[in-house]
Each structure stands twice: as structure tokens, then as C-alpha cells.
C-alpha atoms as a PDB file:
ATOM      1  CA  MET A   1       0.084  -0.040  -0.212  1.00  0.00           C
ATOM      2  CA  ARG A   2       3.153   2.332   0.045  1.00  0.00           C
ATOM      3  CA  ALA A   3       2.752   2.704  -3.729  1.00  0.00           C
ATOM      4  CA  LEU A   4      -0.468   4.681  -2.810  1.00  0.00           C
ATOM      5  CA  GLN A   5      -1.008   8.309  -2.718  1.00  0.00           C
ATOM      6  CA  PRO A   6       0.027   9.277   0.721  1.00  0.00           C
ATOM      7  CA  TRP A   7      -3.565  10.583   1.531  1.00  0.00           C
ATOM      8  CA  LEU A   8      -5.148   7.292   0.155  1.00  0.00           C
ATOM      9  CA  ALA A   9      -2.964   4.617   1.792  1.00  0.00           C
ATOM     10  CA  PRO A  10      -4.433   4.695   5.532  1.00  0.00           C
ATOM     11  CA  TYR A  11      -7.932   4.162   4.031  1.00  0.00           C
ATOM     12  CA  ALA A  12      -6.987   1.403   1.628  1.00  0.00           C
ATOM     13  CA  SER A  13      -4.779  -0.174   4.802  1.00  0.00           C
ATOM     14  CA  TYR A  14      -7.810   0.212   6.972  1.00  0.00           C
ATOM     15  CA  LEU A  15     -10.448  -1.400   4.600  1.00  0.00           C
ATOM     16  CA  VAL A  16      -7.855  -4.555   3.577  1.00  0.00           C
ATOM     17  CA  GLY A  17      -7.507  -4.780   7.638  1.00  0.00           C
ATOM     18  CA  LEU A  18     -11.651  -4.928   7.818  1.00  0.00           C
ATOM     19  CA  ALA A  19     -11.026  -8.454   6.048  1.00  0.00           C
ATOM     20  CA  ARG A  20      -8.741  -9.915   8.649  1.00  0.00           C
ATOM     21  CA  GLY A  21      -6.461 -11.715   6.571  1.00  0.00           C
ATOM     22  CA  GLN A  22      -9.382 -12.777   4.248  1.00  0.00           C
ATOM     23  CA  VAL A  23      -8.181 -10.685   1.132  1.00  0.00           C
ATOM     24  CA  ARG A  24      -4.822  -9.996  -0.724  1.00  0.00           C
ATOM     25  CA  VAL A  25      -3.429  -7.052  -2.290  1.00  0.00           C
ATOM     26  CA  THR A  26      -2.227  -8.068  -5.741  1.00  0.00           C
ATOM     27  CA  SER A  27      -1.923  -4.760  -7.881  1.00  0.00           C
ATOM     28  CA  VAL A  28      -1.195  -1.231  -6.631  1.00  0.00           C
ATOM     29  CA  TYR A  29       1.261   1.091  -8.658  1.00  0.00           C
ATOM     30  CA  ARG A  30       1.739   0.132 -12.265  1.00  0.00           C
ATOM     31  CA  SER A  31       4.227   2.029 -14.715  1.00  0.00           C
ATOM     32  CA  TYR A  32       2.940   2.628 -18.195  1.00  0.00           C
ATOM     33  CA  SER A  33       4.793  -0.232 -19.562  1.00  0.00           C
ATOM     34  CA  ASP A  34       3.199  -2.704 -17.044  1.00  0.00           C
ATOM     35  CA  GLN A  35      -0.213  -1.081 -17.877  1.00  0.00           C
ATOM     36  CA  LEU A  36       0.643  -1.163 -21.717  1.00  0.00           C
ATOM     37  CA  ASN A  37       1.417  -4.963 -21.352  1.00  0.00           C
ATOM     38  CA  LEU A  38      -2.059  -5.370 -19.368  1.00  0.00           C
ATOM     39  CA  TRP A  39      -3.741  -3.346 -22.474  1.00  0.00           C
ATOM     40  CA  HIS A  40      -2.239  -5.841 -25.027  1.00  0.00           C
ATOM     41  CA  ASN A  41      -3.241  -8.982 -23.267  1.00  0.00           C
ATOM     42  CA  ARG A  42      -6.697  -7.889 -21.948  1.00  0.00           C
ATOM     43  CA  SER A  43      -8.428 -10.493 -23.908  1.00  0.00           C
ATOM     44  CA  ARG A  44      -6.872 -13.034 -21.742  1.00  0.00           C
ATOM     45  CA  ASN A  45      -7.967 -10.825 -18.206  1.00  0.00           C
ATOM     46  CA  PRO A  46     -11.187 -11.803 -17.046  1.00  0.00           C
ATOM     47  CA  TYR A  47     -11.163  -8.286 -15.351  1.00  0.00           C
ATOM     48  CA  PRO A  48     -11.577  -4.929 -17.171  1.00  0.00           C
ATOM     49  CA  VAL A  49      -8.238  -2.929 -18.256  1.00  0.00           C
ATOM     50  CA  ALA A  50      -7.870   0.766 -18.814  1.00  0.00           C
ATOM     51  CA  PRO A  51      -5.443   1.894 -21.655  1.00  0.00           C
ATOM     52  CA  PRO A  52      -2.385   3.264 -20.567  1.00  0.00           C
ATOM     53  CA  GLY A  53      -2.704   6.629 -19.127  1.00  0.00           C
ATOM     54  CA  ARG A  54      -6.112   6.005 -17.922  1.00  0.00           C
ATOM     55  CA  SER A  55      -5.428   3.430 -15.090  1.00  0.00           C
ATOM     56  CA  TYR A  56      -6.054   5.152 -11.751  1.00  0.00           C
ATOM     57  CA  HIS A  57      -2.923   2.192 -10.963  1.00  0.00           C
ATOM     58  CA  GLN A  58      -0.371   4.543 -12.780  1.00  0.00           C
ATOM     59  CA  TYR A  59      -1.361   7.529 -10.496  1.00  0.00           C
ATOM     60  CA  GLY A  60      -1.126   5.642  -6.990  1.00  0.00           C
ATOM     61  CA  ARG A  61      -4.898   6.138  -6.806  1.00  0.00           C
ATOM     62  CA  ALA A  62      -5.988   2.278  -7.075  1.00  0.00           C
ATOM     63  CA  PHE A  63      -5.334  -1.210  -5.556  1.00  0.00           C
ATOM     64  CA  ASP A  64      -6.843  -4.543  -6.562  1.00  0.00           C
ATOM     65  CA  ILE A  65      -7.564  -7.090  -3.789  1.00  0.00           C
ATOM     66  CA  THR A  66      -8.687 -10.742  -4.309  1.00  0.00           C
ATOM     67  CA  GLY A  67     -10.752 -12.766  -1.822  1.00  0.00           C
ATOM     68  CA  PRO A  68     -14.240 -14.467  -1.373  1.00  0.00           C
ATOM     69  CA  PRO A  69     -16.685 -12.663  -3.988  1.00  0.00           C
ATOM     70  CA  GLY A  70     -18.981 -11.836  -1.136  1.00  0.00           C
ATOM     71  CA  LEU A  71     -16.417  -9.818   1.162  1.00  0.00           C
ATOM     72  CA  LEU A  72     -15.201  -8.030  -1.767  1.00  0.00           C
ATOM     73  CA  ASP A  73     -18.870  -6.814  -2.490  1.00  0.00           C
ATOM     74  CA  GLN A  74     -19.071  -5.949   1.274  1.00  0.00           C
ATOM     75  CA  LEU A  75     -15.816  -3.916   0.895  1.00  0.00           C
ATOM     76  CA  GLY A  76     -16.785  -2.495  -2.008  1.00  0.00           C
ATOM     77  CA  ARG A  77     -19.840  -1.044  -0.591  1.00  0.00           C
ATOM     78  CA  ILE A  78     -17.862   0.551   2.076  1.00  0.00           C
ATOM     79  CA  TRP A  79     -15.458   1.951  -0.186  1.00  0.00           C
ATOM     80  CA  ARG A  80     -18.002   3.583  -2.222  1.00  0.00           C
ATOM     81  CA  GLY A  81     -19.665   4.841   1.142  1.00  0.00           C
ATOM     82  CA  TRP A  82     -16.710   6.442   2.042  1.00  0.00           C
ATOM     83  CA  GLY A  83     -16.559   8.316  -1.604  1.00  0.00           C
ATOM     84  CA  GLY A  84     -14.207   5.930  -3.811  1.00  0.00           C
ATOM     85  CA  ARG A  85     -15.133   4.151  -6.902  1.00  0.00           C
ATOM     86  CA  TRP A  86     -15.788   0.367  -7.095  1.00  0.00           C
ATOM     87  CA  SER A  87     -18.308  -1.697  -9.234  1.00  0.00           C
ATOM     88  CA  PRO A  88     -19.394  -5.357  -8.837  1.00  0.00           C
ATOM     89  CA  SER A  89     -18.479  -5.590 -12.397  1.00  0.00           C
ATOM     90  CA  ASP A  90     -14.955  -5.377 -11.727  1.00  0.00           C
ATOM     91  CA  ARG A  91     -15.023  -6.340  -8.035  1.00  0.00           C
ATOM     92  CA  ILE A  92     -11.311  -6.351  -7.148  1.00  0.00           C
ATOM     93  CA  HIS A  93     -10.525  -2.948  -8.276  1.00  0.00           C
ATOM     94  CA  PHE A  94     -10.718  -0.169  -5.710  1.00  0.00           C
ATOM     95  CA  GLU A  95      -9.823   3.674  -6.744  1.00  0.00           C
ATOM     96  CA  ALA A  96     -10.313   6.964  -5.510  1.00  0.00           C
END
């Protein structure tokens, strides 16, 4: 979570802590080349992929977590309640 913007990291860490070890952070910051690679291989990715320059991961404003779908949905609703962006169609992705 250290790769997130300093103002965002405490909220993200708290949210992940609410899961009490049942989720795992899988992606935070991505470079342009990392995002470009994901974009080129998006047909093999079950989740939406933003084109380079449009991903909040590149700006330290997004993180992905994996875990039980129901728990991700609960965390997503909490995140949205705090003003963040989250959607059930991309339940692993949280951004602000």
C-alpha cells in the first residue's frame, strides 16, 4: 500500500484490515509499460483493463485485492460509502 498516494494509503490499509486476513492485495502501482502490457493482453484477463494513461494504478490511486466474492462486495460497498469508486463488474478494483 506504500505505492498509493499518501492521503489514500491509510484508507486502503484500513479497508483491507477489515477483512482480517481474508483478502490479498495483488496490484497497486503500475508503470506505463506494465499497464501497456496488461492492455495488450486484455483478452486473456477476466477483469476490465484501462488503456495506458487512463488507469488510476499509474497515479497511485487504485489497488486490486482478491478474496471471497461476497467479502469483496461488502468491502466495495464500504469503499463507495467513503466516496471511492468500486463496481461489482470489477469487484477486485478499488480507486479514488
